[in-house]
PDB file of N, CA and C in Angstrom:
ATOM      1  N   MET A   1      21.616  21.183   9.815  1.00  0.00           N
ATOM      2  CA  MET A   1      21.121  20.277   8.796  1.00  0.00           C
ATOM      3  C   MET A   1      19.897  19.548   9.352  1.00  0.00           C
ATOM      4  N   HIS A   2      18.843  19.441   8.527  1.00  0.00           N
ATOM      5  CA  HIS A   2      17.594  18.812   8.951  1.00  0.00           C
ATOM      6  C   HIS A   2      17.341  17.572   8.104  1.00  0.00           C
ATOM      7  N   PHE A   3      17.072  16.461   8.775  1.00  0.00           N
ATOM      8  CA  PHE A   3      16.751  15.222   8.081  1.00  0.00           C
ATOM      9  C   PHE A   3      15.319  14.832   8.413  1.00  0.00           C
ATOM     10  N   GLU A   4      14.579  14.440   7.400  1.00  0.00           N
ATOM     11  CA  GLU A   4      13.210  13.989   7.603  1.00  0.00           C
ATOM     12  C   GLU A   4      13.218  12.470   7.729  1.00  0.00           C
ATOM     13  N   LEU A   5      12.578  11.968   8.778  1.00  0.00           N
ATOM     14  CA  LEU A   5      12.483  10.529   8.985  1.00  0.00           C
ATOM     15  C   LEU A   5      11.452   9.963   8.022  1.00  0.00           C
ATOM     16  N   VAL A   6      11.875   9.030   7.199  1.00  0.00           N
ATOM     17  CA  VAL A   6      10.967   8.377   6.263  1.00  0.00           C
ATOM     18  C   VAL A   6      10.791   6.941   6.744  1.00  0.00           C
ATOM     19  N   GLU A   7       9.547   6.595   7.046  1.00  0.00           N
ATOM     20  CA  GLU A   7       9.257   5.241   7.489  1.00  0.00           C
ATOM     21  C   GLU A   7       9.414   4.277   6.329  1.00  0.00           C
ATOM     22  N   SER A   8       9.722   3.049   6.639  1.00  0.00           N
ATOM     23  CA  SER A   8       9.939   2.027   5.619  1.00  0.00           C
ATOM     24  C   SER A   8       8.624   1.633   4.949  1.00  0.00           C
ATOM     25  N   PHE A   9       8.754   1.013   3.785  1.00  0.00           N
ATOM     26  CA  PHE A   9       7.588   0.491   3.093  1.00  0.00           C
ATOM     27  C   PHE A   9       6.854  -0.506   3.982  1.00  0.00           C
ATOM     28  N   SER A  10       7.598  -1.393   4.644  1.00  0.00           N
ATOM     29  CA  SER A  10       6.958  -2.417   5.479  1.00  0.00           C
ATOM     30  C   SER A  10       6.118  -1.777   6.587  1.00  0.00           C
ATOM     31  N   PHE A  11       6.604  -0.694   7.153  1.00  0.00           N
ATOM     32  CA  PHE A  11       5.854   0.022   8.187  1.00  0.00           C
ATOM     33  C   PHE A  11       4.525   0.514   7.631  1.00  0.00           C
ATOM     34  N   HIS A  12       4.573   1.190   6.484  1.00  0.00           N
ATOM     35  CA  HIS A  12       3.351   1.726   5.875  1.00  0.00           C
ATOM     36  C   HIS A  12       2.408   0.607   5.443  1.00  0.00           C
ATOM     37  N   PHE A  13       2.974  -0.435   4.853  1.00  0.00           N
ATOM     38  CA  PHE A  13       2.173  -1.561   4.378  1.00  0.00           C
ATOM     39  C   PHE A  13       1.390  -2.193   5.533  1.00  0.00           C
ATOM     40  N   LYS A  14       2.093  -2.513   6.596  1.00  0.00           N
ATOM     41  CA  LYS A  14       1.447  -3.166   7.742  1.00  0.00           C
ATOM     42  C   LYS A  14       0.459  -2.223   8.427  1.00  0.00           C
ATOM     43  N   THR A  15       0.843  -0.986   8.621  1.00  0.00           N
ATOM     44  CA  THR A  15      -0.024  -0.022   9.290  1.00  0.00           C
ATOM     45  C   THR A  15      -1.322   0.183   8.518  1.00  0.00           C
ATOM     46  N   LEU A  16      -1.224   0.423   7.213  1.00  0.00           N
ATOM     47  CA  LEU A  16      -2.427   0.652   6.411  1.00  0.00           C
ATOM     48  C   LEU A  16      -3.293  -0.600   6.335  1.00  0.00           C
ATOM     49  N   ARG A  17      -2.656  -1.756   6.233  1.00  0.00           N
ATOM     50  CA  ARG A  17      -3.412  -3.018   6.186  1.00  0.00           C
ATOM     51  C   ARG A  17      -4.233  -3.196   7.458  1.00  0.00           C
ATOM     52  N   LEU A  18      -3.601  -3.010   8.590  1.00  0.00           N
ATOM     53  CA  LEU A  18      -4.293  -3.196   9.867  1.00  0.00           C
ATOM     54  C   LEU A  18      -5.359  -2.118  10.098  1.00  0.00           C
ATOM     55  N   GLN A  19      -5.060  -0.882   9.729  1.00  0.00           N
ATOM     56  CA  GLN A  19      -6.043   0.195   9.886  1.00  0.00           C
ATOM     57  C   GLN A  19      -7.263  -0.046   8.999  1.00  0.00           C
ATOM     58  N   ALA A  20      -7.058  -0.737   7.883  1.00  0.00           N
ATOM     59  CA  ALA A  20      -8.171  -1.048   6.983  1.00  0.00           C
ATOM     60  C   ALA A  20      -8.974  -2.249   7.471  1.00  0.00           C
ATOM     61  N   GLY A  21      -8.542  -2.859   8.563  1.00  0.00           N
ATOM     62  CA  GLY A  21      -9.269  -3.986   9.126  1.00  0.00           C
ATOM     63  C   GLY A  21      -8.983  -5.305   8.428  1.00  0.00           C
ATOM     64  N   ILE A  22      -7.869  -5.367   7.716  1.00  0.00           N
ATOM     65  CA  ILE A  22      -7.467  -6.598   7.046  1.00  0.00           C
ATOM     66  C   ILE A  22      -6.535  -7.324   8.005  1.00  0.00           C
ATOM     67  N   ALA A  23      -7.098  -8.296   8.705  1.00  0.00           N
ATOM     68  CA  ALA A  23      -6.399  -8.935   9.818  1.00  0.00           C
ATOM     69  C   ALA A  23      -5.272  -9.866   9.390  1.00  0.00           C
ATOM     70  N   THR A  24      -5.406 -10.488   8.224  1.00  0.00           N
ATOM     71  CA  THR A  24      -4.405 -11.473   7.824  1.00  0.00           C
ATOM     72  C   THR A  24      -3.905 -11.217   6.406  1.00  0.00           C
ATOM     73  N   LEU A  25      -2.734 -11.746   6.148  1.00  0.00           N
ATOM     74  CA  LEU A  25      -2.189 -11.653   4.797  1.00  0.00           C
ATOM     75  C   LEU A  25      -2.985 -12.521   3.826  1.00  0.00           C
ATOM     76  N   THR A  26      -3.576 -13.602   4.340  1.00  0.00           N
ATOM     77  CA  THR A  26      -4.432 -14.456   3.516  1.00  0.00           C
ATOM     78  C   THR A  26      -5.606 -13.650   2.976  1.00  0.00           C
ATOM     79  N   GLU A  27      -6.205 -12.862   3.834  1.00  0.00           N
ATOM     80  CA  GLU A  27      -7.318 -12.015   3.409  1.00  0.00           C
ATOM     81  C   GLU A  27      -6.857 -11.025   2.340  1.00  0.00           C
ATOM     82  N   LEU A  28      -5.682 -10.463   2.536  1.00  0.00           N
ATOM     83  CA  LEU A  28      -5.171  -9.498   1.558  1.00  0.00           C
ATOM     84  C   LEU A  28      -4.858 -10.167   0.224  1.00  0.00           C
ATOM     85  N   THR A  29      -4.346 -11.392   0.239  1.00  0.00           N
ATOM     86  CA  THR A  29      -4.079 -12.080  -1.031  1.00  0.00           C
ATOM     87  C   THR A  29      -5.379 -12.288  -1.804  1.00  0.00           C
ATOM     88  N   LYS A  30      -6.461 -12.575  -1.099  1.00  0.00           N
ATOM     89  CA  LYS A  30      -7.765 -12.749  -1.751  1.00  0.00           C
ATOM     90  C   LYS A  30      -8.247 -11.435  -2.346  1.00  0.00           C
ATOM     91  N   LEU A  31      -8.074 -10.347  -1.611  1.00  0.00           N
ATOM     92  CA  LEU A  31      -8.489  -9.038  -2.104  1.00  0.00           C
ATOM     93  C   LEU A  31      -7.662  -8.622  -3.323  1.00  0.00           C
ATOM     94  N   LEU A  32      -6.366  -8.911  -3.295  1.00  0.00           N
ATOM     95  CA  LEU A  32      -5.517  -8.623  -4.456  1.00  0.00           C
ATOM     96  C   LEU A  32      -5.930  -9.468  -5.656  1.00  0.00           C
ATOM     97  N   ALA A  33      -6.280 -10.728  -5.408  1.00  0.00           N
ATOM     98  CA  ALA A  33      -6.719 -11.616  -6.500  1.00  0.00           C
ATOM     99  C   ALA A  33      -7.977 -11.065  -7.161  1.00  0.00           C
ATOM    100  N   GLU A  34      -8.864 -10.486  -6.371  1.00  0.00           N
ATOM    101  CA  GLU A  34     -10.069  -9.872  -6.923  1.00  0.00           C
ATOM    102  C   GLU A  34      -9.731  -8.703  -7.843  1.00  0.00           C
ATOM    103  N   LYS A  35      -8.578  -8.104  -7.631  1.00  0.00           N
ATOM    104  CA  LYS A  35      -8.112  -6.990  -8.472  1.00  0.00           C
ATOM    105  C   LYS A  35      -7.252  -7.493  -9.632  1.00  0.00           C
ATOM    106  N   GLY A  36      -7.056  -8.818  -9.699  1.00  0.00           N
ATOM    107  CA  GLY A  36      -6.294  -9.392 -10.803  1.00  0.00           C
ATOM    108  C   GLY A  36      -4.820  -9.633 -10.515  1.00  0.00           C
ATOM    109  N   PHE A  37      -4.427  -9.533  -9.261  1.00  0.00           N
ATOM    110  CA  PHE A  37      -3.034  -9.743  -8.881  1.00  0.00           C
ATOM    111  C   PHE A  37      -2.930 -10.988  -8.010  1.00  0.00           C
ATOM    112  N   ILE A  38      -2.290 -12.015  -8.539  1.00  0.00           N
ATOM    113  CA  ILE A  38      -2.165 -13.285  -7.827  1.00  0.00           C
ATOM    114  C   ILE A  38      -0.774 -13.362  -7.201  1.00  0.00           C
ATOM    115  N   TYR A  39      -0.755 -13.393  -5.874  1.00  0.00           N
ATOM    116  CA  TYR A  39       0.503 -13.467  -5.141  1.00  0.00           C
ATOM    117  C   TYR A  39       0.392 -14.509  -4.039  1.00  0.00           C
ATOM    118  N   GLU A  40       1.512 -15.126  -3.752  1.00  0.00           N
ATOM    119  CA  GLU A  40       1.599 -16.048  -2.616  1.00  0.00           C
ATOM    120  C   GLU A  40       1.608 -15.221  -1.328  1.00  0.00           C
ATOM    121  N   GLU A  41       1.004 -15.762  -0.318  1.00  0.00           N
ATOM    122  CA  GLU A  41       1.012 -15.099   0.986  1.00  0.00           C
ATOM    123  C   GLU A  41       2.439 -14.872   1.485  1.00  0.00           C
ATOM    124  N   SER A  42       3.340 -15.784   1.152  1.00  0.00           N
ATOM    125  CA  SER A  42       4.732 -15.650   1.605  1.00  0.00           C
ATOM    126  C   SER A  42       5.387 -14.390   1.038  1.00  0.00           C
ATOM    127  N   LEU A  43       5.013 -13.990  -0.182  1.00  0.00           N
ATOM    128  CA  LEU A  43       5.581 -12.769  -0.750  1.00  0.00           C
ATOM    129  C   LEU A  43       5.093 -11.552   0.026  1.00  0.00           C
ATOM    130  N   LEU A  44       3.823 -11.529   0.366  1.00  0.00           N
ATOM    131  CA  LEU A  44       3.297 -10.426   1.162  1.00  0.00           C
ATOM    132  C   LEU A  44       3.964 -10.380   2.526  1.00  0.00           C
ATOM    133  N   SER A  45       4.302 -11.537   3.057  1.00  0.00           N
ATOM    134  CA  SER A  45       5.026 -11.596   4.321  1.00  0.00           C
ATOM    135  C   SER A  45       6.402 -10.935   4.173  1.00  0.00           C
ATOM    136  N   HIS A  46       7.046 -11.154   3.045  1.00  0.00           N
ATOM    137  CA  HIS A  46       8.337 -10.501   2.786  1.00  0.00           C
ATOM    138  C   HIS A  46       8.160  -8.984   2.690  1.00  0.00           C
ATOM    139  N   TRP A  47       7.068  -8.538   2.082  1.00  0.00           N
ATOM    140  CA  TRP A  47       6.797  -7.098   2.017  1.00  0.00           C
ATOM    141  C   TRP A  47       6.658  -6.537   3.423  1.00  0.00           C
ATOM    142  N   GLN A  48       5.950  -7.265   4.265  1.00  0.00           N
ATOM    143  CA  GLN A  48       5.684  -6.793   5.612  1.00  0.00           C
ATOM    144  C   GLN A  48       6.932  -6.815   6.491  1.00  0.00           C
ATOM    145  N   ARG A  49       7.880  -7.667   6.159  1.00  0.00           N
ATOM    146  CA  ARG A  49       9.112  -7.775   6.958  1.00  0.00           C
ATOM    147  C   ARG A  49      10.259  -6.967   6.360  1.00  0.00           C
ATOM    148  N   ASP A  50       9.958  -6.187   5.327  1.00  0.00           N
ATOM    149  CA  ASP A  50      10.945  -5.308   4.687  1.00  0.00           C
ATOM    150  C   ASP A  50      12.048  -6.092   3.985  1.00  0.00           C
ATOM    151  N   ARG A  51      11.719  -7.293   3.540  1.00  0.00           N
ATOM    152  CA  ARG A  51      12.693  -8.098   2.804  1.00  0.00           C
ATOM    153  C   ARG A  51      12.560  -7.880   1.305  1.00  0.00           C
ATOM    154  N   LYS A  52      11.362  -7.514   0.876  1.00  0.00           N
ATOM    155  CA  LYS A  52      11.097  -7.233  -0.530  1.00  0.00           C
ATOM    156  C   LYS A  52      10.096  -6.095  -0.615  1.00  0.00           C
ATOM    157  N   VAL A  53      10.091  -5.460  -1.784  1.00  0.00           N
ATOM    158  CA  VAL A  53       9.147  -4.380  -2.073  1.00  0.00           C
ATOM    159  C   VAL A  53       8.587  -4.649  -3.458  1.00  0.00           C
ATOM    160  N   PRO A  54       7.284  -4.459  -3.640  1.00  0.00           N
ATOM    161  CA  PRO A  54       6.746  -4.656  -4.990  1.00  0.00           C
ATOM    162  C   PRO A  54       7.477  -3.771  -6.001  1.00  0.00           C
ATOM    163  N   LYS A  55       7.516  -4.222  -7.227  1.00  0.00           N
ATOM    164  CA  LYS A  55       8.213  -3.466  -8.259  1.00  0.00           C
ATOM    165  C   LYS A  55       7.257  -2.713  -9.178  1.00  0.00           C
ATOM    166  N   ARG A  56       6.072  -3.271  -9.380  1.00  0.00           N
ATOM    167  CA  ARG A  56       5.118  -2.670 -10.318  1.00  0.00           C
ATOM    168  C   ARG A  56       4.233  -1.641  -9.619  1.00  0.00           C
ATOM    169  N   ARG A  57       4.175  -0.475 -10.186  1.00  0.00           N
ATOM    170  CA  ARG A  57       3.386   0.608  -9.602  1.00  0.00           C
ATOM    171  C   ARG A  57       1.914   0.211  -9.470  1.00  0.00           C
ATOM    172  N   GLU A  58       1.423  -0.588 -10.392  1.00  0.00           N
ATOM    173  CA  GLU A  58       0.019  -1.001 -10.361  1.00  0.00           C
ATOM    174  C   GLU A  58      -0.331  -1.720  -9.050  1.00  0.00           C
ATOM    175  N   ILE A  59       0.638  -2.413  -8.481  1.00  0.00           N
ATOM    176  CA  ILE A  59       0.417  -3.120  -7.211  1.00  0.00           C
ATOM    177  C   ILE A  59       0.170  -2.112  -6.089  1.00  0.00           C
ATOM    178  N   PHE A  60       0.972  -1.061  -6.070  1.00  0.00           N
ATOM    179  CA  PHE A  60       0.821  -0.034  -5.031  1.00  0.00           C
ATOM    180  C   PHE A  60      -0.551   0.623  -5.123  1.00  0.00           C
ATOM    181  N   ILE A  61      -0.967   0.930  -6.341  1.00  0.00           N
ATOM    182  CA  ILE A  61      -2.266   1.576  -6.529  1.00  0.00           C
ATOM    183  C   ILE A  61      -3.393   0.611  -6.151  1.00  0.00           C
ATOM    184  N   ALA A  62      -3.242  -0.659  -6.515  1.00  0.00           N
ATOM    185  CA  ALA A  62      -4.252  -1.666  -6.127  1.00  0.00           C
ATOM    186  C   ALA A  62      -4.337  -1.774  -4.606  1.00  0.00           C
ATOM    187  N   LEU A  63      -3.201  -1.771  -3.931  1.00  0.00           N
ATOM    188  CA  LEU A  63      -3.204  -1.835  -2.466  1.00  0.00           C
ATOM    189  C   LEU A  63      -3.910  -0.613  -1.875  1.00  0.00           C
ATOM    190  N   LEU A  64      -3.611   0.562  -2.399  1.00  0.00           N
ATOM    191  CA  LEU A  64      -4.261   1.771  -1.905  1.00  0.00           C
ATOM    192  C   LEU A  64      -5.772   1.721  -2.144  1.00  0.00           C
ATOM    193  N   LYS A  65      -6.187   1.192  -3.290  1.00  0.00           N
ATOM    194  CA  LYS A  65      -7.624   1.056  -3.564  1.00  0.00           C
ATOM    195  C   LYS A  65      -8.272   0.099  -2.573  1.00  0.00           C
ATOM    196  N   ILE A  66      -7.610  -1.014  -2.313  1.00  0.00           N
ATOM    197  CA  ILE A  66      -8.139  -1.985  -1.346  1.00  0.00           C
ATOM    198  C   ILE A  66      -8.277  -1.332   0.023  1.00  0.00           C
ATOM    199  N   PHE A  67      -7.246  -0.637   0.456  1.00  0.00           N
ATOM    200  CA  PHE A  67      -7.291   0.000   1.770  1.00  0.00           C
ATOM    201  C   PHE A  67      -8.434   1.021   1.835  1.00  0.00           C
ATOM    202  N   SER A  68      -8.603   1.812   0.785  1.00  0.00           N
ATOM    203  CA  SER A  68      -9.660   2.831   0.797  1.00  0.00           C
ATOM    204  C   SER A  68     -11.043   2.185   0.713  1.00  0.00           C
ATOM    205  N   GLU A  69     -11.172   1.097  -0.034  1.00  0.00           N
ATOM    206  CA  GLU A  69     -12.463   0.398  -0.134  1.00  0.00           C
ATOM    207  C   GLU A  69     -12.864  -0.248   1.179  1.00  0.00           C
ATOM    208  N   LYS A  70     -11.895  -0.532   2.017  1.00  0.00           N
ATOM    209  CA  LYS A  70     -12.167  -1.129   3.332  1.00  0.00           C
ATOM    210  C   LYS A  70     -12.437  -0.042   4.371  1.00  0.00           C
ATOM    211  N   ASN A  71     -12.848   1.108   3.892  1.00  0.00           N
ATOM    212  CA  ASN A  71     -13.206   2.242   4.746  1.00  0.00           C
ATOM    213  C   ASN A  71     -12.033   2.843   5.505  1.00  0.00           C
ATOM    214  N   GLN A  72     -10.847   2.585   5.024  1.00  0.00           N
ATOM    215  CA  GLN A  72      -9.680   3.255   5.584  1.00  0.00           C
ATOM    216  C   GLN A  72      -9.624   4.628   4.917  1.00  0.00           C
ATOM    217  N   ILE A  73      -9.787   5.665   5.695  1.00  0.00           N
ATOM    218  CA  ILE A  73      -9.753   7.003   5.122  1.00  0.00           C
ATOM    219  C   ILE A  73      -8.303   7.376   4.856  1.00  0.00           C
ATOM    220  N   LEU A  74      -7.989   7.490   3.581  1.00  0.00           N
ATOM    221  CA  LEU A  74      -6.634   7.825   3.180  1.00  0.00           C
ATOM    222  C   LEU A  74      -6.552   9.294   2.796  1.00  0.00           C
ATOM    223  N   THR A  75      -5.451   9.891   3.127  1.00  0.00           N
ATOM    224  CA  THR A  75      -5.212  11.262   2.685  1.00  0.00           C
ATOM    225  C   THR A  75      -4.219  11.223   1.533  1.00  0.00           C
ATOM    226  N   HIS A  76      -4.181  12.301   0.824  1.00  0.00           N
ATOM    227  CA  HIS A  76      -3.225  12.454  -0.273  1.00  0.00           C
ATOM    228  C   HIS A  76      -1.809  12.245   0.261  1.00  0.00           C
ATOM    229  N   ASP A  77      -1.525  12.846   1.419  1.00  0.00           N
ATOM    230  CA  ASP A  77      -0.191  12.720   2.022  1.00  0.00           C
ATOM    231  C   ASP A  77       0.136  11.284   2.412  1.00  0.00           C
ATOM    232  N   THR A  78      -0.839  10.567   2.986  1.00  0.00           N
ATOM    233  CA  THR A  78      -0.624   9.175   3.374  1.00  0.00           C
ATOM    234  C   THR A  78      -0.278   8.331   2.162  1.00  0.00           C
ATOM    235  N   CYS A  79      -1.025   8.516   1.082  1.00  0.00           N
ATOM    236  CA  CYS A  79      -0.764   7.769  -0.155  1.00  0.00           C
ATOM    237  C   CYS A  79       0.629   8.081  -0.687  1.00  0.00           C
ATOM    238  N   ASN A  80       1.003   9.349  -0.679  1.00  0.00           N
ATOM    239  CA  ASN A  80       2.323   9.726  -1.178  1.00  0.00           C
ATOM    240  C   ASN A  80       3.441   9.194  -0.293  1.00  0.00           C
ATOM    241  N   GLN A  81       3.225   9.147   1.011  1.00  0.00           N
ATOM    242  CA  GLN A  81       4.226   8.574   1.915  1.00  0.00           C
ATOM    243  C   GLN A  81       4.395   7.086   1.638  1.00  0.00           C
ATOM    244  N   PHE A  82       3.278   6.398   1.419  1.00  0.00           N
ATOM    245  CA  PHE A  82       3.307   4.971   1.090  1.00  0.00           C
ATOM    246  C   PHE A  82       4.114   4.749  -0.187  1.00  0.00           C
ATOM    247  N   LEU A  83       3.826   5.513  -1.217  1.00  0.00           N
ATOM    248  CA  LEU A  83       4.546   5.379  -2.485  1.00  0.00           C
ATOM    249  C   LEU A  83       6.021   5.757  -2.334  1.00  0.00           C
ATOM    250  N   ALA A  84       6.284   6.860  -1.662  1.00  0.00           N
ATOM    251  CA  ALA A  84       7.663   7.331  -1.498  1.00  0.00           C
ATOM    252  C   ALA A  84       8.507   6.334  -0.709  1.00  0.00           C
ATOM    253  N   SER A  85       7.885   5.613   0.213  1.00  0.00           N
ATOM    254  CA  SER A  85       8.638   4.645   1.020  1.00  0.00           C
ATOM    255  C   SER A  85       9.195   3.508   0.165  1.00  0.00           C
ATOM    256  N   ALA A  86       8.654   3.360  -1.041  1.00  0.00           N
ATOM    257  CA  ALA A  86       9.122   2.311  -1.961  1.00  0.00           C
ATOM    258  C   ALA A  86       9.734   2.930  -3.218  1.00  0.00           C
ATOM    259  N   ASN A  87      10.138   4.179  -3.107  1.00  0.00           N
ATOM    260  CA  ASN A  87      10.743   4.906  -4.232  1.00  0.00           C
ATOM    261  C   ASN A  87       9.837   4.939  -5.462  1.00  0.00           C
ATOM    262  N   GLN A  88       8.543   5.147  -5.225  1.00  0.00           N
ATOM    263  CA  GLN A  88       7.561   5.199  -6.304  1.00  0.00           C
ATOM    264  C   GLN A  88       7.045   6.614  -6.567  1.00  0.00           C
ATOM    265  N   GLY A  89       7.702   7.603  -5.980  1.00  0.00           N
ATOM    266  CA  GLY A  89       7.286   8.987  -6.230  1.00  0.00           C
ATOM    267  C   GLY A  89       5.975   9.316  -5.547  1.00  0.00           C
ATOM    268  N   HIS A  90       5.120  10.056  -6.275  1.00  0.00           N
ATOM    269  CA  HIS A  90       3.850  10.513  -5.735  1.00  0.00           C
ATOM    270  C   HIS A  90       2.719  10.130  -6.677  1.00  0.00           C
ATOM    271  N   LEU A  91       1.502  10.271  -6.178  1.00  0.00           N
ATOM    272  CA  LEU A  91       0.327   9.987  -6.989  1.00  0.00           C
ATOM    273  C   LEU A  91       0.239  10.934  -8.183  1.00  0.00           C
ATOM    274  N   THR A  92      -0.147  10.375  -9.305  1.00  0.00           N
ATOM    275  CA  THR A  92      -0.446  11.219 -10.463  1.00  0.00           C
ATOM    276  C   THR A  92      -1.883  11.702 -10.311  1.00  0.00           C
ATOM    277  N   THR A  93      -2.261  12.673 -11.106  1.00  0.00           N
ATOM    278  CA  THR A  93      -3.632  13.169 -11.070  1.00  0.00           C
ATOM    279  C   THR A  93      -4.612  12.059 -11.407  1.00  0.00           C
ATOM    280  N   LYS A  94      -4.293  11.237 -12.384  1.00  0.00           N
ATOM    281  CA  LYS A  94      -5.165  10.125 -12.779  1.00  0.00           C
ATOM    282  C   LYS A  94      -5.322   9.120 -11.629  1.00  0.00           C
ATOM    283  N   GLU A  95      -4.208   8.791 -10.973  1.00  0.00           N
ATOM    284  CA  GLU A  95      -4.261   7.856  -9.838  1.00  0.00           C
ATOM    285  C   GLU A  95      -5.075   8.447  -8.696  1.00  0.00           C
ATOM    286  N   LEU A  96      -4.871   9.710  -8.430  1.00  0.00           N
ATOM    287  CA  LEU A  96      -5.598  10.386  -7.350  1.00  0.00           C
ATOM    288  C   LEU A  96      -7.100  10.342  -7.613  1.00  0.00           C
ATOM    289  N   ASP A  97      -7.486  10.553  -8.861  1.00  0.00           N
ATOM    290  CA  ASP A  97      -8.911  10.528  -9.225  1.00  0.00           C
ATOM    291  C   ASP A  97      -9.518   9.136  -9.040  1.00  0.00           C
ATOM    292  N   SER A  98      -8.705   8.084  -9.149  1.00  0.00           N
ATOM    293  CA  SER A  98      -9.224   6.726  -9.020  1.00  0.00           C
ATOM    294  C   SER A  98      -9.319   6.241  -7.567  1.00  0.00           C
ATOM    295  N   LEU A  99      -8.755   7.016  -6.647  1.00  0.00           N
ATOM    296  CA  LEU A  99      -8.760   6.654  -5.226  1.00  0.00           C
ATOM    297  C   LEU A  99      -9.719   7.545  -4.452  1.00  0.00           C
ATOM    298  N   LYS A 100     -10.200   7.012  -3.343  1.00  0.00           N
ATOM    299  CA  LYS A 100     -11.047   7.803  -2.450  1.00  0.00           C
ATOM    300  C   LYS A 100     -10.147   8.394  -1.374  1.00  0.00           C
ATOM    301  N   VAL A 101      -9.598   9.559  -1.650  1.00  0.00           N
ATOM    302  CA  VAL A 101      -8.697  10.190  -0.695  1.00  0.00           C
ATOM    303  C   VAL A 101      -9.129  11.632  -0.451  1.00  0.00           C
ATOM    304  N   LYS A 102      -8.678  12.132   0.673  1.00  0.00           N
ATOM    305  CA  LYS A 102      -8.951  13.539   1.025  1.00  0.00           C
ATOM    306  C   LYS A 102      -7.801  14.402   0.582  1.00  0.00           C
TER     307      LYS A 102
END
């Protein structure tokens, strides 16, 4: 029997945030606000500590857009792993077209 290790949402969230050069959660809250999503920094801290996971798919796509806009080169697989870690399935064709991914 073969089991695939799936990293947690918090792992992907923190890793992608840091790889995108977003040093603080405060900075990320500002970037999310620019996309129309107003969140307290404490909620993002819960996401990063695996205490909570966003519920709305639009948040995940906004996060992926922010990461890609910050020159984080995202792959299709990376995006799908991020989504799958929060039980959000995979990118749709429309979502894929809106992101800068390989």
